[in-house]
């Protein structure tokens, strides 16, 4: 997570700002590990939209 924090400090700040009202209302913090998950999800989806491939395997039988 240290590398993520160094490389994506701006993104972390934006997410914390966006979730500030929710965090304050429920008195919870959004850990950097969850922010990294949000980043990965957004980054993966944007890459897949450029390539035309689905973001996730939608043919899973267990869902």
PDB file of N, CA and C in Angstrom:
ATOM      1  N   UNK A   1       0.810  -1.209   0.000  1.00  0.00           N
ATOM      2  CA  UNK A   1       0.000   0.000   0.000  1.00  0.00           C
ATOM      3  C   UNK A   1       0.849   1.267   0.000  1.00  0.00           C
ATOM      4  N   UNK A   2       2.085   1.155   0.486  1.00  0.00           N
ATOM      5  CA  UNK A   2       2.942   2.352   0.495  1.00  0.00           C
ATOM      6  C   UNK A   2       3.177   2.877  -0.914  1.00  0.00           C
ATOM      7  N   UNK A   3       3.426   1.963  -1.847  1.00  0.00           N
ATOM      8  CA  UNK A   3       3.636   2.368  -3.236  1.00  0.00           C
ATOM      9  C   UNK A   3       2.395   3.010  -3.824  1.00  0.00           C
ATOM     10  N   UNK A   4       1.240   2.448  -3.503  1.00  0.00           N
ATOM     11  CA  UNK A   4      -0.014   3.024  -3.979  1.00  0.00           C
ATOM     12  C   UNK A   4      -0.206   4.422  -3.417  1.00  0.00           C
ATOM     13  N   UNK A   5       0.078   4.597  -2.142  1.00  0.00           N
ATOM     14  CA  UNK A   5      -0.082   5.909  -1.513  1.00  0.00           C
ATOM     15  C   UNK A   5       0.843   6.940  -2.133  1.00  0.00           C
ATOM     16  N   UNK A   6       2.064   6.555  -2.434  1.00  0.00           N
ATOM     17  CA  UNK A   6       3.016   7.486  -3.043  1.00  0.00           C
ATOM     18  C   UNK A   6       2.615   7.843  -4.471  1.00  0.00           C
ATOM     19  N   UNK A   7       2.171   6.829  -5.207  1.00  0.00           N
ATOM     20  CA  UNK A   7       1.861   7.032  -6.625  1.00  0.00           C
ATOM     21  C   UNK A   7       0.502   7.694  -6.845  1.00  0.00           C
ATOM     22  N   UNK A   8      -0.465   7.428  -5.957  1.00  0.00           N
ATOM     23  CA  UNK A   8      -1.839   7.881  -6.189  1.00  0.00           C
ATOM     24  C   UNK A   8      -2.382   8.725  -5.036  1.00  0.00           C
ATOM     25  N   UNK A   9      -1.524   9.552  -4.467  1.00  0.00           N
ATOM     26  CA  UNK A   9      -1.937  10.409  -3.359  1.00  0.00           C
ATOM     27  C   UNK A   9      -3.102  11.319  -3.718  1.00  0.00           C
ATOM     28  N   UNK A  10      -3.103  11.842  -4.937  1.00  0.00           N
ATOM     29  CA  UNK A  10      -4.209  12.704  -5.373  1.00  0.00           C
ATOM     30  C   UNK A  10      -5.524  11.945  -5.397  1.00  0.00           C
ATOM     31  N   UNK A  11      -5.494  10.728  -5.942  1.00  0.00           N
ATOM     32  CA  UNK A  11      -6.714   9.913  -6.014  1.00  0.00           C
ATOM     33  C   UNK A  11      -7.229   9.618  -4.608  1.00  0.00           C
ATOM     34  N   UNK A  12      -6.338   9.275  -3.706  1.00  0.00           N
ATOM     35  CA  UNK A  12      -6.732   8.994  -2.323  1.00  0.00           C
ATOM     36  C   UNK A  12      -7.423  10.213  -1.723  1.00  0.00           C
ATOM     37  N   UNK A  13      -6.868  11.388  -1.941  1.00  0.00           N
ATOM     38  CA  UNK A  13      -7.467  12.622  -1.435  1.00  0.00           C
ATOM     39  C   UNK A  13      -8.845  12.882  -2.012  1.00  0.00           C
ATOM     40  N   UNK A  14      -8.999  12.643  -3.307  1.00  0.00           N
ATOM     41  CA  UNK A  14     -10.304  12.857  -3.956  1.00  0.00           C
ATOM     42  C   UNK A  14     -11.358  11.921  -3.387  1.00  0.00           C
ATOM     43  N   UNK A  15     -10.988  10.652  -3.223  1.00  0.00           N
ATOM     44  CA  UNK A  15     -11.953   9.682  -2.698  1.00  0.00           C
ATOM     45  C   UNK A  15     -12.325  10.041  -1.263  1.00  0.00           C
ATOM     46  N   UNK A  16     -11.332  10.397  -0.458  1.00  0.00           N
ATOM     47  CA  UNK A  16     -11.622  10.776   0.923  1.00  0.00           C
ATOM     48  C   UNK A  16     -12.539  11.991   0.974  1.00  0.00           C
ATOM     49  N   UNK A  17     -12.324  12.940   0.082  1.00  0.00           N
ATOM     50  CA  UNK A  17     -13.181  14.121   0.028  1.00  0.00           C
ATOM     51  C   UNK A  17     -14.608  13.748  -0.399  1.00  0.00           C
ATOM     52  N   UNK A  18     -14.712  12.874  -1.385  1.00  0.00           N
ATOM     53  CA  UNK A  18     -16.032  12.460  -1.875  1.00  0.00           C
ATOM     54  C   UNK A  18     -16.827  11.706  -0.809  1.00  0.00           C
ATOM     55  N   UNK A  19     -16.148  10.928   0.008  1.00  0.00           N
ATOM     56  CA  UNK A  19     -16.817  10.118   1.026  1.00  0.00           C
ATOM     57  C   UNK A  19     -16.832  10.790   2.397  1.00  0.00           C
ATOM     58  N   UNK A  20     -16.407  12.037   2.469  1.00  0.00           N
ATOM     59  CA  UNK A  20     -16.298  12.729   3.755  1.00  0.00           C
ATOM     60  C   UNK A  20     -17.629  12.800   4.496  1.00  0.00           C
ATOM     61  N   UNK A  21     -18.701  13.163   3.820  1.00  0.00           N
ATOM     62  CA  UNK A  21     -20.007  13.261   4.486  1.00  0.00           C
ATOM     63  C   UNK A  21     -20.471  11.904   5.015  1.00  0.00           C
ATOM     64  N   UNK A  22     -20.294  10.873   4.223  1.00  0.00           N
ATOM     65  CA  UNK A  22     -20.689   9.528   4.657  1.00  0.00           C
ATOM     66  C   UNK A  22     -19.836   9.085   5.833  1.00  0.00           C
ATOM     67  N   UNK A  23     -18.533   9.311   5.741  1.00  0.00           N
ATOM     68  CA  UNK A  23     -17.624   8.924   6.821  1.00  0.00           C
ATOM     69  C   UNK A  23     -17.971   9.640   8.118  1.00  0.00           C
ATOM     70  N   UNK A  24     -18.265  10.916   8.009  1.00  0.00           N
ATOM     71  CA  UNK A  24     -18.617  11.686   9.207  1.00  0.00           C
ATOM     72  C   UNK A  24     -19.954  11.226   9.787  1.00  0.00           C
ATOM     73  N   UNK A  25     -20.930  11.006   8.942  1.00  0.00           N
ATOM     74  CA  UNK A  25     -22.262  10.606   9.401  1.00  0.00           C
ATOM     75  C   UNK A  25     -22.221   9.268  10.145  1.00  0.00           C
ATOM     76  N   UNK A  26     -21.516   8.302   9.559  1.00  0.00           N
ATOM     77  CA  UNK A  26     -21.468   6.959  10.154  1.00  0.00           C
ATOM     78  C   UNK A  26     -20.272   6.755  11.082  1.00  0.00           C
ATOM     79  N   UNK A  27     -19.438   7.794  11.195  1.00  0.00           N
ATOM     80  CA  UNK A  27     -18.253   7.748  12.057  1.00  0.00           C
ATOM     81  C   UNK A  27     -17.352   6.556  11.723  1.00  0.00           C
ATOM     82  N   UNK A  28     -17.058   6.421  10.435  1.00  0.00           N
ATOM     83  CA  UNK A  28     -16.160   5.376   9.947  1.00  0.00           C
ATOM     84  C   UNK A  28     -15.092   6.007   9.058  1.00  0.00           C
ATOM     85  N   UNK A  29     -13.988   5.330   8.950  1.00  0.00           N
ATOM     86  CA  UNK A  29     -12.924   5.762   8.051  1.00  0.00           C
ATOM     87  C   UNK A  29     -12.886   4.824   6.856  1.00  0.00           C
ATOM     88  N   UNK A  30     -12.505   5.352   5.730  1.00  0.00           N
ATOM     89  CA  UNK A  30     -12.322   4.548   4.534  1.00  0.00           C
ATOM     90  C   UNK A  30     -10.827   4.254   4.434  1.00  0.00           C
ATOM     91  N   UNK A  31     -10.426   3.014   4.716  1.00  0.00           N
ATOM     92  CA  UNK A  31      -8.994   2.703   4.706  1.00  0.00           C
ATOM     93  C   UNK A  31      -8.403   2.785   3.301  1.00  0.00           C
ATOM     94  N   UNK A  32      -7.113   3.032   3.254  1.00  0.00           N
ATOM     95  CA  UNK A  32      -6.421   3.142   1.972  1.00  0.00           C
ATOM     96  C   UNK A  32      -6.548   1.835   1.186  1.00  0.00           C
ATOM     97  N   UNK A  33      -6.619   0.713   1.871  1.00  0.00           N
ATOM     98  CA  UNK A  33      -6.771  -0.564   1.163  1.00  0.00           C
ATOM     99  C   UNK A  33      -8.077  -0.597   0.376  1.00  0.00           C
ATOM    100  N   UNK A  34      -9.147  -0.034   0.915  1.00  0.00           N
ATOM    101  CA  UNK A  34     -10.424   0.020   0.198  1.00  0.00           C
ATOM    102  C   UNK A  34     -10.374   1.041  -0.930  1.00  0.00           C
ATOM    103  N   UNK A  35      -9.669   2.128  -0.716  1.00  0.00           N
ATOM    104  CA  UNK A  35      -9.501   3.125  -1.777  1.00  0.00           C
ATOM    105  C   UNK A  35      -8.709   2.512  -2.930  1.00  0.00           C
ATOM    106  N   UNK A  36      -7.718   1.696  -2.610  1.00  0.00           N
ATOM    107  CA  UNK A  36      -6.946   1.002  -3.648  1.00  0.00           C
ATOM    108  C   UNK A  36      -7.849   0.056  -4.432  1.00  0.00           C
ATOM    109  N   UNK A  37      -8.776  -0.605  -3.742  1.00  0.00           N
ATOM    110  CA  UNK A  37      -9.732  -1.485  -4.413  1.00  0.00           C
ATOM    111  C   UNK A  37     -10.610  -0.674  -5.378  1.00  0.00           C
ATOM    112  N   UNK A  38     -11.082   0.483  -4.942  1.00  0.00           N
ATOM    113  CA  UNK A  38     -11.885   1.353  -5.805  1.00  0.00           C
ATOM    114  C   UNK A  38     -11.074   1.754  -7.036  1.00  0.00           C
ATOM    115  N   UNK A  39      -9.811   2.114  -6.819  1.00  0.00           N
ATOM    116  CA  UNK A  39      -8.938   2.497  -7.928  1.00  0.00           C
ATOM    117  C   UNK A  39      -8.798   1.346  -8.923  1.00  0.00           C
ATOM    118  N   UNK A  40      -8.525   0.147  -8.399  1.00  0.00           N
ATOM    119  CA  UNK A  40      -8.367  -1.013  -9.281  1.00  0.00           C
ATOM    120  C   UNK A  40      -9.633  -1.267 -10.080  1.00  0.00           C
ATOM    121  N   UNK A  41     -10.778  -1.164  -9.440  1.00  0.00           N
ATOM    122  CA  UNK A  41     -12.056  -1.402 -10.114  1.00  0.00           C
ATOM    123  C   UNK A  41     -12.258  -0.394 -11.245  1.00  0.00           C
ATOM    124  N   UNK A  42     -12.032   0.876 -10.967  1.00  0.00           N
ATOM    125  CA  UNK A  42     -12.196   1.924 -11.985  1.00  0.00           C
ATOM    126  C   UNK A  42     -11.179   1.730 -13.101  1.00  0.00           C
ATOM    127  N   UNK A  43      -9.945   1.481 -12.733  1.00  0.00           N
ATOM    128  CA  UNK A  43      -8.864   1.326 -13.708  1.00  0.00           C
ATOM    129  C   UNK A  43      -9.132   0.116 -14.608  1.00  0.00           C
ATOM    130  N   UNK A  44      -9.559  -1.002 -14.028  1.00  0.00           N
ATOM    131  CA  UNK A  44      -9.854  -2.202 -14.811  1.00  0.00           C
ATOM    132  C   UNK A  44     -11.006  -1.945 -15.774  1.00  0.00           C
ATOM    133  N   UNK A  45     -12.065  -1.299 -15.293  1.00  0.00           N
ATOM    134  CA  UNK A  45     -13.213  -1.022 -16.156  1.00  0.00           C
ATOM    135  C   UNK A  45     -12.845  -0.095 -17.301  1.00  0.00           C
ATOM    136  N   UNK A  46     -12.025   0.908 -17.036  1.00  0.00           N
ATOM    137  CA  UNK A  46     -11.663   1.835 -18.108  1.00  0.00           C
ATOM    138  C   UNK A  46     -10.792   1.137 -19.144  1.00  0.00           C
ATOM    139  N   UNK A  47      -9.912   0.248 -18.714  1.00  0.00           N
ATOM    140  CA  UNK A  47      -9.088  -0.500 -19.668  1.00  0.00           C
ATOM    141  C   UNK A  47      -9.956  -1.411 -20.524  1.00  0.00           C
ATOM    142  N   UNK A  48     -10.913  -2.072 -19.906  1.00  0.00           N
ATOM    143  CA  UNK A  48     -11.774  -2.994 -20.643  1.00  0.00           C
ATOM    144  C   UNK A  48     -12.688  -2.259 -21.614  1.00  0.00           C
ATOM    145  N   UNK A  49     -13.107  -1.070 -21.287  1.00  0.00           N
ATOM    146  CA  UNK A  49     -13.935  -0.301 -22.214  1.00  0.00           C
ATOM    147  C   UNK A  49     -13.137   0.085 -23.453  1.00  0.00           C
ATOM    148  N   UNK A  50     -11.839   0.334 -23.272  1.00  0.00           N
ATOM    149  CA  UNK A  50     -11.002   0.683 -24.413  1.00  0.00           C
ATOM    150  C   UNK A  50     -10.757  -0.524 -25.311  1.00  0.00           C
ATOM    151  N   UNK A  51     -10.671  -1.720 -24.713  1.00  0.00           N
ATOM    152  CA  UNK A  51     -10.375  -2.917 -25.504  1.00  0.00           C
ATOM    153  C   UNK A  51     -11.630  -3.607 -26.002  1.00  0.00           C
ATOM    154  N   UNK A  52     -12.782  -3.281 -25.408  1.00  0.00           N
ATOM    155  CA  UNK A  52     -14.022  -3.919 -25.806  1.00  0.00           C
ATOM    156  C   UNK A  52     -14.284  -5.235 -25.109  1.00  0.00           C
ATOM    157  N   UNK A  53     -13.395  -5.632 -24.207  1.00  0.00           N
ATOM    158  CA  UNK A  53     -13.583  -6.882 -23.468  1.00  0.00           C
ATOM    159  C   UNK A  53     -14.426  -6.630 -22.231  1.00  0.00           C
ATOM    160  N   UNK A  54     -15.203  -7.614 -21.796  1.00  0.00           N
ATOM    161  CA  UNK A  54     -15.999  -7.419 -20.580  1.00  0.00           C
ATOM    162  C   UNK A  54     -15.095  -7.238 -19.371  1.00  0.00           C
ATOM    163  N   UNK A  55     -15.577  -6.458 -18.405  1.00  0.00           N
ATOM    164  CA  UNK A  55     -14.790  -6.187 -17.205  1.00  0.00           C
ATOM    165  C   UNK A  55     -14.591  -7.448 -16.380  1.00  0.00           C
ATOM    166  N   UNK A  56     -15.600  -8.287 -16.316  1.00  0.00           N
ATOM    167  CA  UNK A  56     -15.528  -9.510 -15.536  1.00  0.00           C
ATOM    168  C   UNK A  56     -16.131 -10.636 -16.344  1.00  0.00           C
ATOM    169  N   UNK A  57     -15.760 -11.842 -15.989  1.00  0.00           N
ATOM    170  CA  UNK A  57     -16.318 -13.003 -16.664  1.00  0.00           C
ATOM    171  C   UNK A  57     -17.789 -13.111 -16.306  1.00  0.00           C
ATOM    172  N   UNK A  58     -18.657 -12.803 -17.223  1.00  0.00           N
ATOM    173  CA  UNK A  58     -20.090 -12.785 -16.963  1.00  0.00           C
ATOM    174  C   UNK A  58     -20.741 -14.146 -17.175  1.00  0.00           C
ATOM    175  N   UNK A  59     -19.949 -15.152 -17.525  1.00  0.00           N
ATOM    176  CA  UNK A  59     -20.471 -16.488 -17.765  1.00  0.00           C
ATOM    177  C   UNK A  59     -20.311 -17.392 -16.552  1.00  0.00           C
ATOM    178  N   UNK A  60     -20.109 -16.842 -15.396  1.00  0.00           N
ATOM    179  CA  UNK A  60     -19.915 -17.656 -14.193  1.00  0.00           C
ATOM    180  C   UNK A  60     -21.213 -18.327 -13.814  1.00  0.00           C
ATOM    181  N   UNK A  61     -21.108 -19.611 -13.509  1.00  0.00           N
ATOM    182  CA  UNK A  61     -22.298 -20.383 -13.172  1.00  0.00           C
ATOM    183  C   UNK A  61     -22.681 -20.250 -11.716  1.00  0.00           C
ATOM    184  N   UNK A  62     -21.766 -19.810 -10.848  1.00  0.00           N
ATOM    185  CA  UNK A  62     -22.052 -19.773  -9.429  1.00  0.00           C
ATOM    186  C   UNK A  62     -22.760 -18.507  -8.987  1.00  0.00           C
ATOM    187  N   UNK A  63     -23.142 -17.651  -9.910  1.00  0.00           N
ATOM    188  CA  UNK A  63     -23.840 -16.426  -9.531  1.00  0.00           C
ATOM    189  C   UNK A  63     -25.301 -16.509  -9.855  1.00  0.00           C
TER     190      UNK A  63
END
